[in-house]
Amino acid sequence: MNAFGLIQIGLILWCTTIISSPQCNHLPLQRRKVIENSLRLLDKMGKKFPQQCLREKMSFRFPMQVLQPRQKETVGVAIEEIFQHIFYIFSKNLTLAAWDETALNQFQNGLYLQIEQLEACVIKKHTHYCRSKEVSRLKLKKYFRKIDCFLKDKQHDLCSWEISRAEMRRCLQLIDKVTRKL
């Protein structure tokens, strides 16, 4: 094959990579839109917080330090992890939640797409893990395990889902606040 043919193949591969890869530079703007949409869908999924659930409220204590590192990339990793946990929680045993199914599906789809984009960018930018990232992951895992255990302890009843939905709203609001600062 001649040099011109190799150049053409190289250009085609380069263009294909650019077209098919997510736009990591535009992720903060996309993330804000996804968060705003997710908050809207969380509100649309259910009605106002039920009065009978007020006495069951629980503080899960979100680990704020995971969203306050010095590097933007570390925040991106934490946000991806949070989205994965939220997606996991909202993907199981929702029979007693009594939420709008269309809004729930749109919420899940938006999270899934954002996770896919974040994973691709995180993998592209980071090939190694530092200790602080692993500590952040463990703190987030512990936080979301508390929510998961709470749901299981309450047998995924209506109030446990409403309390969890309120907590996820708070998570997304924290991410939105941090993302706007970046």
N, C-alpha and C. Protein backbone atom coordinates (compact mmCIF):
# COMPACT_ATOMS: atom_id res chain seq x y z
N MET A 1 0.85 -1.17 0.00
CA MET A 1 0.00 0.00 0.00
C MET A 1 0.89 1.23 0.00
N ASN A 2 0.50 2.24 -0.75
CA ASN A 2 1.33 3.44 -0.83
C ASN A 2 1.06 4.38 0.35
N ALA A 3 1.91 5.39 0.46
CA ALA A 3 1.83 6.33 1.58
C ALA A 3 0.50 7.09 1.58
N PHE A 4 0.00 7.44 0.39
CA PHE A 4 -1.26 8.18 0.30
C PHE A 4 -2.41 7.34 0.85
N GLY A 5 -2.42 6.06 0.56
CA GLY A 5 -3.45 5.14 1.06
C GLY A 5 -3.40 5.03 2.57
N LEU A 6 -2.19 4.97 3.15
CA LEU A 6 -2.04 4.91 4.60
C LEU A 6 -2.52 6.20 5.26
N ILE A 7 -2.24 7.32 4.62
CA ILE A 7 -2.71 8.61 5.15
C ILE A 7 -4.23 8.66 5.15
N GLN A 8 -4.85 8.18 4.07
CA GLN A 8 -6.31 8.16 3.99
C GLN A 8 -6.91 7.28 5.08
N ILE A 9 -6.35 6.10 5.28
CA ILE A 9 -6.85 5.19 6.32
C ILE A 9 -6.67 5.84 7.69
N GLY A 10 -5.52 6.46 7.90
CA GLY A 10 -5.27 7.15 9.17
C GLY A 10 -6.27 8.26 9.42
N LEU A 11 -6.57 9.06 8.40
CA LEU A 11 -7.55 10.13 8.54
C LEU A 11 -8.94 9.58 8.83
N ILE A 12 -9.32 8.51 8.17
CA ILE A 12 -10.63 7.90 8.40
C ILE A 12 -10.73 7.39 9.85
N LEU A 13 -9.68 6.71 10.32
CA LEU A 13 -9.69 6.22 11.69
C LEU A 13 -9.73 7.37 12.69
N TRP A 14 -8.99 8.41 12.44
CA TRP A 14 -8.96 9.57 13.32
C TRP A 14 -10.33 10.23 13.38
N CYS A 15 -10.96 10.44 12.23
CA CYS A 15 -12.29 11.05 12.18
C CYS A 15 -13.33 10.18 12.87
N THR A 16 -13.24 8.88 12.67
CA THR A 16 -14.17 7.95 13.31
C THR A 16 -14.03 8.03 14.82
N THR A 17 -12.81 8.10 15.31
CA THR A 17 -12.57 8.19 16.75
C THR A 17 -13.14 9.48 17.30
N ILE A 18 -12.95 10.59 16.61
CA ILE A 18 -13.46 11.87 17.06
C ILE A 18 -14.99 11.85 17.08
N ILE A 19 -15.60 11.32 16.04
CA ILE A 19 -17.05 11.30 15.94
C ILE A 19 -17.66 10.37 16.97
N SER A 20 -17.08 9.21 17.18
CA SER A 20 -17.68 8.21 18.07
C SER A 20 -17.36 8.43 19.54
N SER A 21 -16.32 9.18 19.87
CA SER A 21 -15.98 9.37 21.27
C SER A 21 -16.82 10.50 21.88
N PRO A 22 -17.18 10.37 23.15
CA PRO A 22 -17.96 11.42 23.78
C PRO A 22 -17.15 12.70 23.90
N GLN A 23 -17.84 13.78 23.90
CA GLN A 23 -17.18 15.07 24.02
C GLN A 23 -16.89 15.36 25.48
N CYS A 24 -15.74 14.93 25.94
CA CYS A 24 -15.39 15.08 27.35
C CYS A 24 -15.27 16.55 27.76
N ASN A 25 -14.93 17.40 26.81
CA ASN A 25 -14.81 18.82 27.13
C ASN A 25 -16.16 19.45 27.45
N HIS A 26 -17.23 18.88 26.91
CA HIS A 26 -18.57 19.43 27.12
C HIS A 26 -19.31 18.74 28.25
N LEU A 27 -18.67 17.83 28.94
CA LEU A 27 -19.34 17.08 29.99
C LEU A 27 -19.89 17.94 31.12
N PRO A 28 -19.16 18.94 31.62
CA PRO A 28 -19.75 19.74 32.71
C PRO A 28 -21.08 20.37 32.32
N LEU A 29 -21.19 20.89 31.11
CA LEU A 29 -22.44 21.49 30.65
C LEU A 29 -23.51 20.41 30.51
N GLN A 30 -23.14 19.27 29.91
CA GLN A 30 -24.08 18.16 29.77
C GLN A 30 -24.53 17.67 31.14
N ARG A 31 -23.59 17.57 32.06
CA ARG A 31 -23.88 17.07 33.40
C ARG A 31 -24.90 17.97 34.07
N ARG A 32 -24.74 19.30 33.94
CA ARG A 32 -25.69 20.22 34.54
C ARG A 32 -27.09 20.03 33.96
N LYS A 33 -27.15 19.83 32.64
CA LYS A 33 -28.45 19.60 32.00
C LYS A 33 -29.06 18.29 32.47
N VAL A 34 -28.24 17.25 32.58
CA VAL A 34 -28.72 15.95 33.06
C VAL A 34 -29.22 16.08 34.49
N ILE A 35 -28.49 16.79 35.32
CA ILE A 35 -28.89 16.95 36.72
C ILE A 35 -30.19 17.73 36.81
N GLU A 36 -30.29 18.84 36.07
CA GLU A 36 -31.53 19.61 36.07
C GLU A 36 -32.70 18.75 35.61
N ASN A 37 -32.50 17.98 34.55
CA ASN A 37 -33.54 17.10 34.05
C ASN A 37 -33.86 16.00 35.06
N SER A 38 -32.85 15.45 35.70
CA SER A 38 -33.06 14.40 36.70
C SER A 38 -33.84 14.93 37.90
N LEU A 39 -33.53 16.15 38.33
CA LEU A 39 -34.28 16.75 39.44
C LEU A 39 -35.74 16.96 39.05
N ARG A 40 -35.96 17.41 37.84
CA ARG A 40 -37.32 17.61 37.35
C ARG A 40 -38.07 16.28 37.31
N LEU A 41 -37.39 15.23 36.83
CA LEU A 41 -38.02 13.91 36.75
C LEU A 41 -38.27 13.31 38.13
N LEU A 42 -37.36 13.54 39.07
CA LEU A 42 -37.59 13.06 40.44
C LEU A 42 -38.86 13.69 41.01
N ASP A 43 -39.05 14.98 40.75
CA ASP A 43 -40.27 15.66 41.20
C ASP A 43 -41.50 15.10 40.50
N LYS A 44 -41.35 14.82 39.22
CA LYS A 44 -42.48 14.33 38.42
C LYS A 44 -42.84 12.88 38.78
N MET A 45 -41.86 12.10 39.20
CA MET A 45 -42.08 10.69 39.52
C MET A 45 -43.12 10.52 40.62
N GLY A 46 -43.01 11.31 41.64
CA GLY A 46 -43.92 11.18 42.78
C GLY A 46 -44.55 12.51 43.11
N LYS A 47 -45.45 12.45 44.04
CA LYS A 47 -46.11 13.67 44.48
C LYS A 47 -45.30 14.29 45.62
N LYS A 48 -45.93 15.19 46.36
CA LYS A 48 -45.26 15.77 47.52
C LYS A 48 -44.90 14.68 48.52
N PHE A 49 -43.93 14.96 49.35
CA PHE A 49 -43.48 14.01 50.36
C PHE A 49 -44.66 13.70 51.29
N PRO A 50 -45.01 12.42 51.43
CA PRO A 50 -46.17 12.04 52.26
C PRO A 50 -45.98 12.42 53.73
N GLN A 51 -47.00 13.00 54.31
CA GLN A 51 -46.94 13.41 55.72
C GLN A 51 -46.67 12.24 56.66
N GLN A 52 -47.24 11.07 56.34
CA GLN A 52 -47.07 9.92 57.23
C GLN A 52 -45.62 9.44 57.27
N CYS A 53 -44.78 9.89 56.32
CA CYS A 53 -43.38 9.45 56.27
C CYS A 53 -42.45 10.38 57.04
N LEU A 54 -42.96 11.51 57.50
CA LEU A 54 -42.11 12.49 58.18
C LEU A 54 -41.45 11.91 59.44
N ARG A 55 -42.16 11.09 60.18
CA ARG A 55 -41.59 10.54 61.42
C ARG A 55 -40.50 9.50 61.14
N GLU A 56 -40.42 9.01 59.92
CA GLU A 56 -39.42 8.00 59.56
C GLU A 56 -38.16 8.59 58.94
N LYS A 57 -38.13 9.89 58.78
CA LYS A 57 -36.97 10.50 58.12
C LYS A 57 -35.67 10.05 58.77
N MET A 58 -34.64 9.97 57.92
CA MET A 58 -33.36 9.48 58.39
C MET A 58 -32.25 10.32 57.75
N SER A 59 -31.18 10.52 58.49
CA SER A 59 -30.03 11.25 57.96
C SER A 59 -28.98 10.23 57.51
N PHE A 60 -28.66 10.26 56.23
CA PHE A 60 -27.68 9.32 55.70
C PHE A 60 -26.26 9.90 55.68
N ARG A 61 -26.12 11.19 55.86
CA ARG A 61 -24.84 11.90 55.91
C ARG A 61 -23.98 11.69 54.66
N PHE A 62 -24.30 12.44 53.63
CA PHE A 62 -23.54 12.38 52.39
C PHE A 62 -22.09 12.79 52.66
N PRO A 63 -21.12 12.04 52.15
CA PRO A 63 -19.69 12.37 52.38
C PRO A 63 -19.24 13.53 51.48
N MET A 64 -19.44 14.75 51.94
CA MET A 64 -19.15 15.94 51.14
C MET A 64 -17.71 16.01 50.63
N GLN A 65 -16.77 15.45 51.39
CA GLN A 65 -15.37 15.54 51.00
C GLN A 65 -15.08 14.91 49.65
N VAL A 66 -15.94 13.99 49.18
CA VAL A 66 -15.69 13.34 47.89
C VAL A 66 -15.93 14.30 46.73
N LEU A 67 -16.68 15.37 46.98
CA LEU A 67 -16.94 16.36 45.94
C LEU A 67 -16.10 17.63 46.12
N GLN A 68 -15.11 17.57 46.99
CA GLN A 68 -14.28 18.74 47.25
C GLN A 68 -12.79 18.51 47.04
N PRO A 69 -12.39 17.63 46.14
CA PRO A 69 -10.96 17.44 45.92
C PRO A 69 -10.37 18.59 45.11
N ARG A 70 -9.09 18.57 44.98
CA ARG A 70 -8.40 19.65 44.28
C ARG A 70 -8.42 19.50 42.77
N GLN A 71 -8.63 18.30 42.27
CA GLN A 71 -8.58 18.06 40.82
C GLN A 71 -9.98 17.84 40.26
N LYS A 72 -10.27 18.46 39.11
CA LYS A 72 -11.55 18.30 38.44
C LYS A 72 -11.82 16.85 38.08
N GLU A 73 -10.77 16.15 37.68
CA GLU A 73 -10.93 14.77 37.26
C GLU A 73 -11.42 13.89 38.40
N THR A 74 -10.95 14.16 39.62
CA THR A 74 -11.37 13.39 40.77
C THR A 74 -12.85 13.62 41.06
N VAL A 75 -13.31 14.86 40.85
CA VAL A 75 -14.73 15.16 41.01
C VAL A 75 -15.53 14.37 39.98
N GLY A 76 -15.03 14.31 38.76
CA GLY A 76 -15.70 13.55 37.70
C GLY A 76 -15.84 12.09 38.05
N VAL A 77 -14.80 11.51 38.63
CA VAL A 77 -14.83 10.11 39.05
C VAL A 77 -15.89 9.93 40.15
N ALA A 78 -15.92 10.86 41.10
CA ALA A 78 -16.90 10.77 42.20
C ALA A 78 -18.33 10.90 41.66
N ILE A 79 -18.54 11.81 40.73
CA ILE A 79 -19.88 12.00 40.16
C ILE A 79 -20.31 10.75 39.40
N GLU A 80 -19.40 10.18 38.65
CA GLU A 80 -19.72 8.93 37.94
C GLU A 80 -20.13 7.85 38.93
N GLU A 81 -19.39 7.73 40.01
CA GLU A 81 -19.69 6.74 41.05
C GLU A 81 -21.07 7.01 41.67
N ILE A 82 -21.37 8.25 41.95
CA ILE A 82 -22.67 8.61 42.52
C ILE A 82 -23.80 8.24 41.56
N PHE A 83 -23.63 8.59 40.29
CA PHE A 83 -24.65 8.25 39.29
C PHE A 83 -24.86 6.73 39.22
N GLN A 84 -23.78 5.96 39.29
CA GLN A 84 -23.90 4.50 39.25
C GLN A 84 -24.71 3.98 40.44
N HIS A 85 -24.43 4.52 41.62
CA HIS A 85 -25.15 4.09 42.81
C HIS A 85 -26.63 4.48 42.74
N ILE A 86 -26.89 5.70 42.30
CA ILE A 86 -28.29 6.14 42.17
C ILE A 86 -29.02 5.24 41.17
N PHE A 87 -28.36 4.97 40.05
CA PHE A 87 -28.96 4.10 39.04
C PHE A 87 -29.26 2.72 39.64
N TYR A 88 -28.32 2.19 40.38
CA TYR A 88 -28.50 0.87 41.01
C TYR A 88 -29.71 0.88 41.95
N ILE A 89 -29.77 1.89 42.81
CA ILE A 89 -30.87 1.96 43.78
C ILE A 89 -32.22 2.07 43.08
N PHE A 90 -32.28 2.88 42.01
CA PHE A 90 -33.55 3.09 41.32
C PHE A 90 -33.81 2.04 40.24
N SER A 91 -33.11 0.94 40.29
CA SER A 91 -33.30 -0.13 39.30
C SER A 91 -33.81 -1.42 39.92
N LYS A 92 -34.26 -1.36 41.15
CA LYS A 92 -34.66 -2.61 41.79
C LYS A 92 -35.84 -2.41 42.73
N ASN A 93 -36.67 -3.40 42.81
CA ASN A 93 -37.75 -3.52 43.79
C ASN A 93 -38.56 -2.23 43.98
N LEU A 94 -39.04 -1.66 42.90
CA LEU A 94 -39.78 -0.41 42.95
C LEU A 94 -41.29 -0.60 43.00
N THR A 95 -41.76 -1.79 43.27
CA THR A 95 -43.20 -2.07 43.18
C THR A 95 -44.03 -1.25 44.16
N LEU A 96 -43.51 -0.94 45.32
CA LEU A 96 -44.28 -0.18 46.31
C LEU A 96 -44.06 1.33 46.22
N ALA A 97 -43.24 1.77 45.29
CA ALA A 97 -42.94 3.19 45.18
C ALA A 97 -44.11 4.00 44.66
N ALA A 98 -44.93 3.43 43.81
CA ALA A 98 -46.11 4.10 43.25
C ALA A 98 -45.74 5.41 42.54
N TRP A 99 -44.70 5.35 41.72
CA TRP A 99 -44.25 6.53 41.00
C TRP A 99 -44.69 6.47 39.55
N ASP A 100 -44.64 7.62 38.91
CA ASP A 100 -44.93 7.71 37.48
C ASP A 100 -43.86 6.92 36.72
N GLU A 101 -44.28 5.86 36.05
CA GLU A 101 -43.34 4.94 35.41
C GLU A 101 -42.57 5.59 34.26
N THR A 102 -43.24 6.47 33.50
CA THR A 102 -42.57 7.14 32.39
C THR A 102 -41.44 8.04 32.90
N ALA A 103 -41.73 8.81 33.94
CA ALA A 103 -40.70 9.68 34.52
C ALA A 103 -39.57 8.86 35.11
N LEU A 104 -39.89 7.75 35.75
CA LEU A 104 -38.86 6.86 36.31
C LEU A 104 -37.97 6.31 35.21
N ASN A 105 -38.56 5.85 34.11
CA ASN A 105 -37.77 5.32 32.99
C ASN A 105 -36.89 6.40 32.38
N GLN A 106 -37.42 7.60 32.22
CA GLN A 106 -36.62 8.70 31.68
C GLN A 106 -35.48 9.04 32.63
N PHE A 107 -35.74 9.02 33.92
CA PHE A 107 -34.72 9.27 34.93
C PHE A 107 -33.60 8.24 34.83
N GLN A 108 -33.98 6.96 34.76
CA GLN A 108 -33.00 5.87 34.66
C GLN A 108 -32.20 5.98 33.36
N ASN A 109 -32.88 6.26 32.25
CA ASN A 109 -32.19 6.38 30.96
C ASN A 109 -31.20 7.53 30.95
N GLY A 110 -31.58 8.67 31.52
CA GLY A 110 -30.68 9.82 31.59
C GLY A 110 -29.44 9.51 32.41
N LEU A 111 -29.63 8.85 33.54
CA LEU A 111 -28.49 8.46 34.37
C LEU A 111 -27.58 7.48 33.64
N TYR A 112 -28.19 6.50 33.00
CA TYR A 112 -27.41 5.49 32.28
C TYR A 112 -26.55 6.12 31.19
N LEU A 113 -27.14 7.01 30.40
CA LEU A 113 -26.38 7.67 29.33
C LEU A 113 -25.24 8.51 29.90
N GLN A 114 -25.51 9.20 30.99
CA GLN A 114 -24.46 10.01 31.61
C GLN A 114 -23.35 9.14 32.17
N ILE A 115 -23.70 8.00 32.75
CA ILE A 115 -22.69 7.07 33.27
C ILE A 115 -21.80 6.59 32.13
N GLU A 116 -22.42 6.22 31.01
CA GLU A 116 -21.66 5.75 29.84
C GLU A 116 -20.66 6.81 29.38
N GLN A 117 -21.12 8.05 29.29
CA GLN A 117 -20.23 9.13 28.83
C GLN A 117 -19.13 9.39 29.85
N LEU A 118 -19.48 9.43 31.11
CA LEU A 118 -18.47 9.67 32.15
C LEU A 118 -17.45 8.55 32.19
N GLU A 119 -17.90 7.31 32.09
CA GLU A 119 -16.97 6.18 32.10
C GLU A 119 -15.97 6.28 30.97
N ALA A 120 -16.45 6.63 29.78
CA ALA A 120 -15.54 6.74 28.64
C ALA A 120 -14.51 7.84 28.87
N CYS A 121 -14.93 8.95 29.42
CA CYS A 121 -14.00 10.05 29.66
C CYS A 121 -13.04 9.74 30.80
N VAL A 122 -13.55 9.12 31.85
CA VAL A 122 -12.70 8.78 32.99
C VAL A 122 -11.65 7.76 32.57
N ILE A 123 -12.05 6.76 31.78
CA ILE A 123 -11.10 5.75 31.30
C ILE A 123 -10.06 6.40 30.41
N LYS A 124 -10.49 7.35 29.57
CA LYS A 124 -9.54 8.02 28.68
C LYS A 124 -8.51 8.83 29.47
N LYS A 125 -8.96 9.50 30.52
CA LYS A 125 -8.09 10.41 31.25
C LYS A 125 -7.27 9.74 32.34
N HIS A 126 -7.79 8.65 32.88
CA HIS A 126 -7.13 8.02 34.03
C HIS A 126 -6.86 6.56 33.77
N THR A 127 -5.62 6.21 33.84
CA THR A 127 -5.30 4.79 33.69
C THR A 127 -4.83 4.21 35.02
N HIS A 128 -4.67 5.04 36.02
CA HIS A 128 -4.27 4.54 37.32
C HIS A 128 -5.15 5.16 38.41
N TYR A 129 -5.21 4.49 39.53
CA TYR A 129 -5.98 4.99 40.66
C TYR A 129 -5.04 5.45 41.75
N CYS A 130 -5.34 6.60 42.30
CA CYS A 130 -4.56 7.04 43.45
C CYS A 130 -5.36 6.74 44.70
N ARG A 131 -4.73 6.82 45.81
CA ARG A 131 -5.35 6.45 47.07
C ARG A 131 -6.58 7.30 47.37
N SER A 132 -6.54 8.61 47.09
CA SER A 132 -7.67 9.48 47.42
C SER A 132 -8.93 9.10 46.64
N LYS A 133 -8.75 8.65 45.40
CA LYS A 133 -9.91 8.22 44.61
C LYS A 133 -10.52 6.97 45.22
N GLU A 134 -9.69 6.06 45.67
CA GLU A 134 -10.20 4.83 46.27
C GLU A 134 -10.90 5.13 47.59
N VAL A 135 -10.37 6.05 48.36
CA VAL A 135 -11.01 6.44 49.61
C VAL A 135 -12.37 7.06 49.33
N SER A 136 -12.46 7.90 48.29
CA SER A 136 -13.73 8.50 47.90
C SER A 136 -14.74 7.43 47.51
N ARG A 137 -14.29 6.47 46.73
CA ARG A 137 -15.19 5.38 46.31
C ARG A 137 -15.71 4.61 47.52
N LEU A 138 -14.85 4.35 48.48
CA LEU A 138 -15.27 3.60 49.66
C LEU A 138 -16.28 4.40 50.49
N LYS A 139 -16.06 5.70 50.62
CA LYS A 139 -17.00 6.55 51.36
C LYS A 139 -18.36 6.59 50.67
N LEU A 140 -18.34 6.70 49.35
CA LEU A 140 -19.60 6.71 48.60
C LEU A 140 -20.30 5.36 48.71
N LYS A 141 -19.53 4.30 48.64
CA LYS A 141 -20.11 2.96 48.75
C LYS A 141 -20.79 2.79 50.11
N LYS A 142 -20.15 3.26 51.16
CA LYS A 142 -20.70 3.16 52.51
C LYS A 142 -22.00 3.99 52.62
N TYR A 143 -21.99 5.18 52.07
CA TYR A 143 -23.16 6.05 52.09
C TYR A 143 -24.35 5.39 51.37
N PHE A 144 -24.11 4.89 50.17
CA PHE A 144 -25.19 4.28 49.41
C PHE A 144 -25.61 2.93 49.99
N ARG A 145 -24.70 2.24 50.67
CA ARG A 145 -25.06 0.99 51.33
C ARG A 145 -26.05 1.28 52.46
N LYS A 146 -25.86 2.41 53.17
CA LYS A 146 -26.81 2.80 54.22
C LYS A 146 -28.21 2.97 53.63
N ILE A 147 -28.29 3.62 52.48
CA ILE A 147 -29.59 3.84 51.84
C ILE A 147 -30.19 2.51 51.40
N ASP A 148 -29.37 1.66 50.81
CA ASP A 148 -29.82 0.35 50.36
C ASP A 148 -30.32 -0.48 51.55
N CYS A 149 -29.56 -0.49 52.64
CA CYS A 149 -29.97 -1.24 53.85
C CYS A 149 -31.26 -0.67 54.43
N PHE A 150 -31.38 0.65 54.42
CA PHE A 150 -32.61 1.29 54.90
C PHE A 150 -33.81 0.80 54.09
N LEU A 151 -33.67 0.77 52.78
CA LEU A 151 -34.75 0.28 51.92
C LEU A 151 -35.08 -1.18 52.24
N LYS A 152 -34.05 -2.00 52.40
CA LYS A 152 -34.28 -3.42 52.70
C LYS A 152 -34.93 -3.59 54.07
N ASP A 153 -34.43 -2.84 55.07
CA ASP A 153 -35.00 -2.94 56.42
C ASP A 153 -36.48 -2.57 56.44
N LYS A 154 -36.84 -1.61 55.63
CA LYS A 154 -38.24 -1.15 55.55
C LYS A 154 -39.03 -1.93 54.50
N GLN A 155 -38.41 -2.97 53.96
CA GLN A 155 -39.01 -3.84 52.94
C GLN A 155 -39.50 -3.05 51.73
N HIS A 156 -38.71 -2.05 51.34
CA HIS A 156 -38.98 -1.24 50.16
C HIS A 156 -40.39 -0.66 50.16
N ASP A 157 -40.86 -0.23 51.34
CA ASP A 157 -42.21 0.33 51.41
C ASP A 157 -42.24 1.75 50.86
N LEU A 158 -43.44 2.29 50.76
CA LEU A 158 -43.63 3.62 50.16
C LEU A 158 -42.78 4.68 50.85
N CYS A 159 -42.81 4.72 52.17
CA CYS A 159 -42.05 5.76 52.89
C CYS A 159 -40.55 5.62 52.68
N SER A 160 -40.04 4.40 52.68
CA SER A 160 -38.60 4.23 52.47
C SER A 160 -38.20 4.72 51.09
N TRP A 161 -39.05 4.48 50.09
CA TRP A 161 -38.75 4.98 48.75
C TRP A 161 -38.84 6.50 48.68
N GLU A 162 -39.81 7.07 49.35
CA GLU A 162 -39.95 8.53 49.33
C GLU A 162 -38.77 9.21 50.04
N ILE A 163 -38.33 8.60 51.14
CA ILE A 163 -37.16 9.13 51.86
C ILE A 163 -35.92 9.00 50.98
N SER A 164 -35.78 7.87 50.29
CA SER A 164 -34.65 7.67 49.39
C SER A 164 -34.70 8.63 48.21
N ARG A 165 -35.89 8.86 47.68
CA ARG A 165 -36.03 9.81 46.57
C ARG A 165 -35.61 11.21 47.01
N ALA A 166 -36.01 11.60 48.22
CA ALA A 166 -35.61 12.91 48.75
C ALA A 166 -34.10 12.98 48.93
N GLU A 167 -33.50 11.89 49.37
CA GLU A 167 -32.03 11.85 49.55
C GLU A 167 -31.31 11.94 48.20
N MET A 168 -31.83 11.26 47.19
CA MET A 168 -31.21 11.33 45.85
C MET A 168 -31.34 12.74 45.28
N ARG A 169 -32.45 13.40 45.58
CA ARG A 169 -32.62 14.79 45.16
C ARG A 169 -31.52 15.65 45.79
N ARG A 170 -31.27 15.42 47.07
CA ARG A 170 -30.22 16.17 47.77
C ARG A 170 -28.85 15.90 47.16
N CYS A 171 -28.58 14.63 46.82
CA CYS A 171 -27.31 14.26 46.16
C CYS A 171 -27.14 15.03 44.86
N LEU A 172 -28.17 15.00 44.05
CA LEU A 172 -28.10 15.67 42.75
C LEU A 172 -27.93 17.18 42.91
N GLN A 173 -28.57 17.76 43.91
CA GLN A 173 -28.41 19.19 44.16
C GLN A 173 -26.97 19.51 44.58
N LEU A 174 -26.36 18.64 45.38
CA LEU A 174 -24.96 18.83 45.76
C LEU A 174 -24.03 18.75 44.54
N ILE A 175 -24.29 17.77 43.68
CA ILE A 175 -23.49 17.63 42.46
C ILE A 175 -23.66 18.87 41.59
N ASP A 176 -24.88 19.34 41.47
CA ASP A 176 -25.15 20.53 40.65
C ASP A 176 -24.38 21.73 41.21
N LYS A 177 -24.39 21.89 42.51
CA LYS A 177 -23.68 23.00 43.15
C LYS A 177 -22.17 22.94 42.85
N VAL A 178 -21.61 21.74 42.97
CA VAL A 178 -20.18 21.55 42.72
C VAL A 178 -19.86 21.75 41.24
N THR A 179 -20.71 21.22 40.38
CA THR A 179 -20.48 21.31 38.93
C THR A 179 -20.49 22.76 38.47
N ARG A 180 -21.34 23.57 39.03
CA ARG A 180 -21.41 24.98 38.65
C ARG A 180 -20.15 25.74 39.02
N LYS A 181 -19.46 25.27 40.07
CA LYS A 181 -18.21 25.91 40.50
C LYS A 181 -17.02 25.54 39.62
N LEU A 182 -17.10 24.39 38.94
CA LEU A 182 -15.96 23.92 38.13
C LEU A 182 -15.79 24.74 36.87
